[in-house]
Amino acid sequence: MRVVFFGTPDCAAQYLRPLATAHDLAAVVTQPDRPCGRGRRLAVPPVKTEALALGLPVLQPESPSESGFIGRIAELAPEALAVVAYGRLLGRRLLQIPSVAALNVHYSLLPKLRGAAPVQHALLQGLTSTGVTVQHIAARLDAGDIVLQQPEPIRPEDDCCSL
């Protein structure tokens, strides 16, 4: 299947190698490089680093709603969009491009803990379990139809990284 992948942090980068092995990754979309830390050095998103290591084309639009960017994705003719912690909402025009589906991986058992930082919120709320949801992307944040869910226990020693 021809896929365009959207993601930014390390947890998203972990999806690239398996996807590239199983599918035709037409492009990888991530946030632009940004100044970071006290020295304000330019930081490269982990997804970009992994994509370049795999020889995949990388796109870094300031906004995924830019018409030039949407046109570029349309030219790639993806069957699917796969989104993992991209950090930006995808608009209707972009979501209408794939011929099969636009899917998002969300780190909670939706409808619980919608929005940003679901792992942190699960820990702050003292939950004993959470999980991962794969869902169709809808116009409203984390409101699409659920494709599958996998529960995950939260152990007393868990933190944001281990969970």
N, C-alpha and C. Protein backbone atom coordinates (compact mmCIF):
# COMPACT_ATOMS: atom_id res chain seq x y z
N MET A 1 0.85 -1.17 0.00
CA MET A 1 0.00 0.00 0.00
C MET A 1 0.89 1.24 0.00
N ARG A 2 0.51 2.24 -0.75
CA ARG A 2 1.25 3.51 -0.81
C ARG A 2 0.79 4.40 0.34
N VAL A 3 1.74 4.77 1.22
CA VAL A 3 1.42 5.48 2.46
C VAL A 3 2.26 6.74 2.59
N VAL A 4 1.64 7.79 3.10
CA VAL A 4 2.37 8.97 3.56
C VAL A 4 2.26 8.98 5.08
N PHE A 5 3.41 9.04 5.75
CA PHE A 5 3.49 8.97 7.20
C PHE A 5 3.68 10.37 7.78
N PHE A 6 2.95 10.68 8.87
CA PHE A 6 3.08 11.95 9.58
C PHE A 6 3.47 11.65 11.02
N GLY A 7 4.55 12.23 11.51
CA GLY A 7 4.95 12.05 12.90
C GLY A 7 6.13 12.94 13.22
N THR A 8 6.42 13.11 14.51
CA THR A 8 7.52 14.00 14.90
C THR A 8 8.44 13.39 15.95
N PRO A 9 7.97 12.98 17.14
CA PRO A 9 8.89 12.56 18.21
C PRO A 9 9.40 11.13 18.04
N ASP A 10 10.25 10.74 18.98
CA ASP A 10 10.87 9.43 18.97
C ASP A 10 9.84 8.29 18.93
N CYS A 11 8.76 8.43 19.70
CA CYS A 11 7.76 7.35 19.71
C CYS A 11 7.16 7.13 18.32
N ALA A 12 7.08 8.17 17.52
CA ALA A 12 6.57 8.05 16.15
C ALA A 12 7.63 7.44 15.22
N ALA A 13 8.90 7.79 15.45
CA ALA A 13 9.98 7.28 14.60
C ALA A 13 10.05 5.75 14.62
N GLN A 14 9.62 5.15 15.71
CA GLN A 14 9.67 3.70 15.85
C GLN A 14 8.75 2.98 14.86
N TYR A 15 7.81 3.69 14.28
CA TYR A 15 6.88 3.10 13.32
C TYR A 15 7.45 3.05 11.90
N LEU A 16 8.46 3.84 11.62
CA LEU A 16 8.92 3.98 10.24
C LEU A 16 9.50 2.70 9.64
N ARG A 17 10.40 2.05 10.34
CA ARG A 17 11.05 0.87 9.77
C ARG A 17 10.03 -0.24 9.45
N PRO A 18 9.12 -0.58 10.39
CA PRO A 18 8.13 -1.61 10.04
C PRO A 18 7.21 -1.18 8.89
N LEU A 19 6.83 0.08 8.86
CA LEU A 19 5.98 0.55 7.75
C LEU A 19 6.73 0.50 6.43
N ALA A 20 8.00 0.90 6.45
CA ALA A 20 8.79 0.90 5.21
C ALA A 20 9.04 -0.52 4.71
N THR A 21 9.08 -1.48 5.61
CA THR A 21 9.26 -2.88 5.24
C THR A 21 7.99 -3.45 4.62
N ALA A 22 6.83 -3.06 5.15
CA ALA A 22 5.56 -3.65 4.73
C ALA A 22 4.85 -2.87 3.64
N HIS A 23 5.20 -1.58 3.47
CA HIS A 23 4.46 -0.72 2.54
C HIS A 23 5.40 0.18 1.75
N ASP A 24 4.84 0.83 0.75
CA ASP A 24 5.56 1.82 -0.05
C ASP A 24 5.37 3.18 0.63
N LEU A 25 6.38 3.64 1.37
CA LEU A 25 6.29 4.94 2.02
C LEU A 25 6.67 6.01 1.00
N ALA A 26 5.66 6.72 0.50
CA ALA A 26 5.87 7.72 -0.53
C ALA A 26 6.57 8.96 0.02
N ALA A 27 6.32 9.28 1.29
CA ALA A 27 6.95 10.43 1.94
C ALA A 27 6.72 10.34 3.44
N VAL A 28 7.59 11.04 4.16
CA VAL A 28 7.47 11.17 5.60
C VAL A 28 7.33 12.66 5.90
N VAL A 29 6.28 13.01 6.64
CA VAL A 29 6.02 14.41 6.97
C VAL A 29 6.27 14.60 8.46
N THR A 30 7.04 15.63 8.79
CA THR A 30 7.34 15.92 10.18
C THR A 30 7.38 17.42 10.38
N GLN A 31 7.42 17.84 11.64
CA GLN A 31 7.51 19.26 11.96
C GLN A 31 8.85 19.81 11.46
N PRO A 32 8.91 21.11 11.18
CA PRO A 32 10.20 21.71 10.78
C PRO A 32 11.24 21.61 11.90
N ASP A 33 12.51 21.62 11.50
CA ASP A 33 13.59 21.71 12.48
C ASP A 33 13.38 23.02 13.26
N ARG A 34 13.58 22.96 14.58
CA ARG A 34 13.34 24.15 15.41
C ARG A 34 14.49 24.36 16.40
N PRO A 35 14.74 25.63 16.76
CA PRO A 35 15.73 25.90 17.81
C PRO A 35 15.28 25.27 19.13
N CYS A 36 16.25 24.75 19.87
CA CYS A 36 15.92 24.03 21.10
C CYS A 36 17.01 24.26 22.14
N GLY A 37 16.62 24.25 23.40
CA GLY A 37 17.57 24.34 24.50
C GLY A 37 18.12 25.74 24.73
N ARG A 38 19.02 25.82 25.69
CA ARG A 38 19.60 27.12 26.05
C ARG A 38 20.37 27.75 24.90
N GLY A 39 21.10 26.93 24.18
CA GLY A 39 21.89 27.45 23.06
C GLY A 39 21.08 27.71 21.81
N ARG A 40 19.79 27.36 21.87
CA ARG A 40 18.88 27.54 20.73
C ARG A 40 19.43 26.91 19.45
N ARG A 41 20.06 25.74 19.63
CA ARG A 41 20.57 25.01 18.47
C ARG A 41 19.41 24.38 17.72
N LEU A 42 19.58 24.28 16.42
CA LEU A 42 18.54 23.70 15.58
C LEU A 42 18.42 22.21 15.90
N ALA A 43 17.23 21.77 16.28
CA ALA A 43 16.97 20.37 16.60
C ALA A 43 16.19 19.72 15.47
N VAL A 44 16.63 18.55 15.09
CA VAL A 44 15.99 17.78 14.02
C VAL A 44 15.01 16.81 14.67
N PRO A 45 13.75 16.76 14.20
CA PRO A 45 12.81 15.79 14.77
C PRO A 45 13.31 14.35 14.59
N PRO A 46 13.12 13.50 15.60
CA PRO A 46 13.54 12.10 15.48
C PRO A 46 12.96 11.39 14.25
N VAL A 47 11.75 11.73 13.86
CA VAL A 47 11.16 11.11 12.67
C VAL A 47 11.98 11.45 11.42
N LYS A 48 12.45 12.67 11.32
CA LYS A 48 13.28 13.07 10.17
C LYS A 48 14.58 12.28 10.17
N THR A 49 15.22 12.17 11.32
CA THR A 49 16.48 11.43 11.42
C THR A 49 16.30 9.99 10.96
N GLU A 50 15.24 9.33 11.44
CA GLU A 50 14.99 7.93 11.05
C GLU A 50 14.62 7.82 9.57
N ALA A 51 13.81 8.74 9.07
CA ALA A 51 13.42 8.70 7.66
C ALA A 51 14.63 8.84 6.75
N LEU A 52 15.52 9.78 7.07
CA LEU A 52 16.73 9.96 6.26
C LEU A 52 17.62 8.73 6.32
N ALA A 53 17.71 8.10 7.49
CA ALA A 53 18.50 6.87 7.63
C ALA A 53 17.94 5.75 6.76
N LEU A 54 16.64 5.77 6.56
CA LEU A 54 15.98 4.76 5.72
C LEU A 54 15.92 5.16 4.25
N GLY A 55 16.43 6.35 3.94
CA GLY A 55 16.42 6.83 2.55
C GLY A 55 15.05 7.27 2.07
N LEU A 56 14.20 7.70 3.00
CA LEU A 56 12.85 8.12 2.64
C LEU A 56 12.79 9.63 2.43
N PRO A 57 11.96 10.09 1.49
CA PRO A 57 11.82 11.54 1.30
C PRO A 57 11.10 12.18 2.48
N VAL A 58 11.58 13.34 2.91
CA VAL A 58 11.04 14.04 4.07
C VAL A 58 10.45 15.38 3.65
N LEU A 59 9.25 15.66 4.13
CA LEU A 59 8.60 16.95 3.92
C LEU A 59 8.39 17.60 5.28
N GLN A 60 8.67 18.92 5.40
CA GLN A 60 8.55 19.62 6.67
C GLN A 60 7.81 20.95 6.49
N PRO A 61 6.52 20.89 6.20
CA PRO A 61 5.77 22.14 6.02
C PRO A 61 5.59 22.88 7.34
N GLU A 62 5.53 24.20 7.27
CA GLU A 62 5.20 24.98 8.46
C GLU A 62 3.79 24.64 8.93
N SER A 63 2.90 24.40 7.96
CA SER A 63 1.52 24.03 8.27
C SER A 63 1.05 22.99 7.26
N PRO A 64 0.35 21.96 7.73
CA PRO A 64 -0.16 20.95 6.79
C PRO A 64 -1.35 21.46 5.97
N SER A 65 -1.79 22.68 6.23
CA SER A 65 -2.90 23.23 5.45
C SER A 65 -2.43 24.11 4.30
N GLU A 66 -1.12 24.27 4.12
CA GLU A 66 -0.59 25.04 3.00
C GLU A 66 -1.03 24.39 1.69
N SER A 67 -1.55 25.19 0.76
CA SER A 67 -2.06 24.61 -0.49
C SER A 67 -0.95 23.92 -1.29
N GLY A 68 0.26 24.46 -1.30
CA GLY A 68 1.36 23.81 -2.00
C GLY A 68 1.68 22.44 -1.41
N PHE A 69 1.63 22.34 -0.10
CA PHE A 69 1.88 21.06 0.56
C PHE A 69 0.77 20.07 0.23
N ILE A 70 -0.47 20.50 0.30
CA ILE A 70 -1.60 19.62 -0.01
C ILE A 70 -1.49 19.13 -1.45
N GLY A 71 -1.11 20.02 -2.36
CA GLY A 71 -0.91 19.63 -3.76
C GLY A 71 0.18 18.59 -3.90
N ARG A 72 1.26 18.74 -3.14
CA ARG A 72 2.37 17.77 -3.19
C ARG A 72 1.91 16.40 -2.71
N ILE A 73 1.13 16.36 -1.63
CA ILE A 73 0.62 15.08 -1.13
C ILE A 73 -0.32 14.46 -2.17
N ALA A 74 -1.17 15.27 -2.78
CA ALA A 74 -2.08 14.75 -3.82
C ALA A 74 -1.29 14.14 -4.98
N GLU A 75 -0.19 14.77 -5.37
CA GLU A 75 0.66 14.24 -6.45
C GLU A 75 1.22 12.86 -6.10
N LEU A 76 1.48 12.63 -4.82
CA LEU A 76 2.02 11.34 -4.38
C LEU A 76 0.99 10.22 -4.45
N ALA A 77 -0.29 10.59 -4.55
CA ALA A 77 -1.40 9.63 -4.68
C ALA A 77 -1.35 8.52 -3.63
N PRO A 78 -1.32 8.88 -2.35
CA PRO A 78 -1.29 7.83 -1.33
C PRO A 78 -2.62 7.11 -1.20
N GLU A 79 -2.55 5.83 -0.86
CA GLU A 79 -3.76 5.09 -0.53
C GLU A 79 -4.14 5.34 0.92
N ALA A 80 -3.12 5.65 1.74
CA ALA A 80 -3.38 5.87 3.16
C ALA A 80 -2.46 6.96 3.71
N LEU A 81 -2.96 7.64 4.73
CA LEU A 81 -2.15 8.51 5.57
C LEU A 81 -2.06 7.81 6.92
N ALA A 82 -0.87 7.75 7.48
CA ALA A 82 -0.66 7.17 8.81
C ALA A 82 -0.08 8.26 9.70
N VAL A 83 -0.75 8.53 10.82
CA VAL A 83 -0.35 9.63 11.70
C VAL A 83 -0.04 9.09 13.10
N VAL A 84 1.14 9.46 13.62
CA VAL A 84 1.54 9.10 14.98
C VAL A 84 2.22 10.32 15.59
N ALA A 85 1.56 10.98 16.52
CA ALA A 85 2.15 12.10 17.27
C ALA A 85 2.77 13.15 16.35
N TYR A 86 2.03 13.56 15.34
CA TYR A 86 2.53 14.58 14.42
C TYR A 86 2.54 15.96 15.07
N GLY A 87 1.53 16.26 15.85
CA GLY A 87 1.51 17.53 16.57
C GLY A 87 0.73 18.63 15.88
N ARG A 88 0.10 18.33 14.76
CA ARG A 88 -0.73 19.29 14.05
C ARG A 88 -2.00 18.59 13.57
N LEU A 89 -3.09 19.34 13.50
CA LEU A 89 -4.33 18.77 12.97
C LEU A 89 -4.28 18.77 11.44
N LEU A 90 -4.82 17.73 10.86
CA LEU A 90 -4.90 17.64 9.40
C LEU A 90 -6.29 18.07 8.96
N GLY A 91 -6.35 18.97 8.00
CA GLY A 91 -7.62 19.51 7.53
C GLY A 91 -8.34 18.59 6.55
N ARG A 92 -9.57 18.94 6.28
CA ARG A 92 -10.42 18.13 5.38
C ARG A 92 -9.80 17.90 4.01
N ARG A 93 -9.22 18.94 3.44
CA ARG A 93 -8.64 18.80 2.08
C ARG A 93 -7.56 17.73 2.07
N LEU A 94 -6.75 17.69 3.09
CA LEU A 94 -5.69 16.69 3.17
C LEU A 94 -6.28 15.30 3.44
N LEU A 95 -7.28 15.24 4.30
CA LEU A 95 -7.88 13.95 4.66
C LEU A 95 -8.66 13.32 3.52
N GLN A 96 -9.03 14.11 2.52
CA GLN A 96 -9.77 13.57 1.37
C GLN A 96 -8.85 12.97 0.31
N ILE A 97 -7.55 13.14 0.45
CA ILE A 97 -6.61 12.67 -0.57
C ILE A 97 -6.45 11.15 -0.61
N PRO A 98 -6.23 10.47 0.50
CA PRO A 98 -5.98 9.02 0.39
C PRO A 98 -7.20 8.27 -0.13
N SER A 99 -6.93 7.27 -0.96
CA SER A 99 -8.02 6.51 -1.57
C SER A 99 -8.62 5.47 -0.62
N VAL A 100 -7.89 5.08 0.42
CA VAL A 100 -8.38 4.05 1.34
C VAL A 100 -8.72 4.63 2.71
N ALA A 101 -7.74 5.23 3.39
CA ALA A 101 -8.00 5.68 4.77
C ALA A 101 -6.94 6.66 5.24
N ALA A 102 -7.32 7.43 6.25
CA ALA A 102 -6.38 8.24 7.02
C ALA A 102 -6.52 7.76 8.46
N LEU A 103 -5.44 7.20 8.99
CA LEU A 103 -5.48 6.56 10.31
C LEU A 103 -4.53 7.26 11.28
N ASN A 104 -4.94 7.29 12.54
CA ASN A 104 -4.16 7.90 13.60
C ASN A 104 -3.93 6.90 14.72
N VAL A 105 -2.72 6.89 15.28
CA VAL A 105 -2.42 6.11 16.47
C VAL A 105 -2.48 7.07 17.65
N HIS A 106 -3.31 6.75 18.63
CA HIS A 106 -3.48 7.62 19.81
C HIS A 106 -3.18 6.79 21.06
N TYR A 107 -2.41 7.37 21.97
CA TYR A 107 -1.96 6.64 23.15
C TYR A 107 -2.91 6.75 24.33
N SER A 108 -4.15 6.34 24.11
CA SER A 108 -5.13 6.10 25.17
C SER A 108 -6.22 5.22 24.58
N LEU A 109 -7.09 4.73 25.44
CA LEU A 109 -8.25 3.97 24.96
C LEU A 109 -9.39 4.97 24.77
N LEU A 110 -9.44 5.52 23.57
CA LEU A 110 -10.48 6.50 23.28
C LEU A 110 -11.85 5.89 23.55
N PRO A 111 -12.80 6.66 24.02
CA PRO A 111 -12.84 8.12 24.03
C PRO A 111 -12.16 8.76 25.24
N LYS A 112 -11.57 7.96 26.14
CA LYS A 112 -10.87 8.55 27.29
C LYS A 112 -9.60 9.26 26.84
N LEU A 113 -9.28 10.34 27.51
CA LEU A 113 -8.02 11.07 27.34
C LEU A 113 -7.78 11.53 25.91
N ARG A 114 -8.78 12.17 25.33
CA ARG A 114 -8.61 12.77 24.01
C ARG A 114 -7.61 13.91 24.09
N GLY A 115 -7.03 14.25 22.95
CA GLY A 115 -6.16 15.41 22.86
C GLY A 115 -4.71 15.10 23.17
N ALA A 116 -3.97 16.17 23.41
CA ALA A 116 -2.52 16.06 23.62
C ALA A 116 -2.20 15.46 24.98
N ALA A 117 -1.05 14.84 25.07
CA ALA A 117 -0.46 14.30 26.30
C ALA A 117 -1.32 13.26 27.02
N PRO A 118 -1.89 12.28 26.32
CA PRO A 118 -2.73 11.29 26.99
C PRO A 118 -1.94 10.40 27.96
N VAL A 119 -0.68 10.12 27.68
CA VAL A 119 0.12 9.29 28.59
C VAL A 119 0.36 10.04 29.89
N GLN A 120 0.72 11.31 29.77
CA GLN A 120 0.95 12.12 30.96
C GLN A 120 -0.33 12.25 31.79
N HIS A 121 -1.45 12.44 31.12
CA HIS A 121 -2.72 12.57 31.84
C HIS A 121 -3.11 11.27 32.53
N ALA A 122 -2.85 10.14 31.91
CA ALA A 122 -3.14 8.85 32.55
C ALA A 122 -2.34 8.71 33.84
N LEU A 123 -1.07 9.10 33.80
CA LEU A 123 -0.23 9.02 35.00
C LEU A 123 -0.68 10.02 36.06
N LEU A 124 -0.97 11.25 35.64
CA LEU A 124 -1.40 12.28 36.60
C LEU A 124 -2.72 11.92 37.28
N GLN A 125 -3.59 11.22 36.55
CA GLN A 125 -4.88 10.84 37.11
C GLN A 125 -4.79 9.57 37.94
N GLY A 126 -3.62 8.95 37.98
CA GLY A 126 -3.45 7.74 38.78
C GLY A 126 -4.16 6.53 38.21
N LEU A 127 -4.37 6.49 36.91
CA LEU A 127 -5.04 5.34 36.30
C LEU A 127 -4.17 4.08 36.42
N THR A 128 -4.81 2.94 36.46
CA THR A 128 -4.08 1.68 36.55
C THR A 128 -3.95 0.99 35.20
N SER A 129 -4.68 1.52 34.20
CA SER A 129 -4.54 0.99 32.84
C SER A 129 -4.87 2.09 31.84
N THR A 130 -4.33 1.92 30.66
CA THR A 130 -4.60 2.80 29.53
C THR A 130 -4.48 1.94 28.29
N GLY A 131 -4.00 2.46 27.20
CA GLY A 131 -3.84 1.65 26.01
C GLY A 131 -3.54 2.48 24.78
N VAL A 132 -3.70 1.83 23.64
CA VAL A 132 -3.45 2.47 22.35
C VAL A 132 -4.67 2.26 21.48
N THR A 133 -5.05 3.30 20.76
CA THR A 133 -6.17 3.23 19.83
C THR A 133 -5.69 3.58 18.43
N VAL A 134 -6.12 2.80 17.44
CA VAL A 134 -5.96 3.18 16.03
C VAL A 134 -7.34 3.58 15.57
N GLN A 135 -7.44 4.77 15.00
CA GLN A 135 -8.74 5.31 14.61
C GLN A 135 -8.67 5.99 13.25
N HIS A 136 -9.81 6.02 12.58
CA HIS A 136 -9.92 6.84 11.38
C HIS A 136 -9.87 8.30 11.81
N ILE A 137 -9.21 9.13 11.05
CA ILE A 137 -9.12 10.54 11.41
C ILE A 137 -10.40 11.24 10.95
N ALA A 138 -10.99 12.00 11.87
CA ALA A 138 -12.20 12.77 11.60
C ALA A 138 -11.88 14.26 11.73
N ALA A 139 -12.83 15.08 11.36
CA ALA A 139 -12.64 16.54 11.44
C ALA A 139 -12.43 16.98 12.89
N ARG A 140 -13.10 16.34 13.84
CA ARG A 140 -12.92 16.67 15.26
C ARG A 140 -11.78 15.86 15.84
N LEU A 141 -11.04 16.44 16.75
CA LEU A 141 -9.88 15.81 17.36
C LEU A 141 -10.25 14.50 18.08
N ASP A 142 -9.58 13.43 17.70
CA ASP A 142 -9.73 12.11 18.33
C ASP A 142 -11.18 11.65 18.40
N ALA A 143 -11.94 11.93 17.35
CA ALA A 143 -13.36 11.59 17.33
C ALA A 143 -13.71 10.59 16.22
N GLY A 144 -12.73 10.12 15.47
CA GLY A 144 -13.00 9.20 14.37
C GLY A 144 -13.36 7.81 14.85
N ASP A 145 -13.90 7.03 13.94
CA ASP A 145 -14.27 5.64 14.25
C ASP A 145 -13.03 4.85 14.66
N ILE A 146 -13.20 4.03 15.68
CA ILE A 146 -12.11 3.22 16.20
C ILE A 146 -11.94 1.98 15.33
N VAL A 147 -10.69 1.71 14.94
CA VAL A 147 -10.35 0.52 14.15
C VAL A 147 -9.96 -0.62 15.08
N LEU A 148 -9.09 -0.32 16.05
CA LEU A 148 -8.70 -1.33 17.04
C LEU A 148 -8.15 -0.63 18.27
N GLN A 149 -8.16 -1.38 19.38
CA GLN A 149 -7.61 -0.88 20.63
C GLN A 149 -6.83 -2.00 21.32
N GLN A 150 -5.77 -1.61 22.02
CA GLN A 150 -4.98 -2.56 22.78
C GLN A 150 -4.77 -1.98 24.18
N PRO A 151 -5.33 -2.63 25.21
CA PRO A 151 -5.12 -2.14 26.57
C PRO A 151 -3.68 -2.34 27.03
N GLU A 152 -3.26 -1.52 27.98
CA GLU A 152 -1.92 -1.61 28.55
C GLU A 152 -2.01 -1.27 30.03
N PRO A 153 -1.53 -2.17 30.91
CA PRO A 153 -1.54 -1.84 32.34
C PRO A 153 -0.52 -0.75 32.64
N ILE A 154 -0.81 0.04 33.64
CA ILE A 154 0.15 1.04 34.12
C ILE A 154 0.73 0.49 35.42
N ARG A 155 2.03 0.24 35.42
CA ARG A 155 2.71 -0.29 36.60
C ARG A 155 3.14 0.86 37.52
N PRO A 156 3.28 0.61 38.80
CA PRO A 156 3.65 1.68 39.74
C PRO A 156 4.95 2.40 39.35
N GLU A 157 5.88 1.68 38.73
CA GLU A 157 7.16 2.29 38.37
C GLU A 157 7.14 3.01 37.02
N ASP A 158 6.04 2.94 36.29
CA ASP A 158 5.96 3.58 34.97
C ASP A 158 6.08 5.09 35.05
N ASP A 159 6.74 5.65 34.03
CA ASP A 159 6.75 7.09 33.81
C ASP A 159 6.36 7.30 32.34
N CYS A 160 6.43 8.53 31.87
CA CYS A 160 6.01 8.82 30.50
C CYS A 160 6.79 8.02 29.46
N CYS A 161 8.07 7.83 29.70
CA CYS A 161 8.90 7.11 28.73
C CYS A 161 8.62 5.61 28.73
N SER A 162 8.55 5.00 29.90
CA SER A 162 8.35 3.56 29.94
C SER A 162 6.94 3.17 29.50
N LEU A 163 5.97 4.00 29.84
CA LEU A 163 4.58 3.68 29.47
C LEU A 163 4.39 3.88 27.98
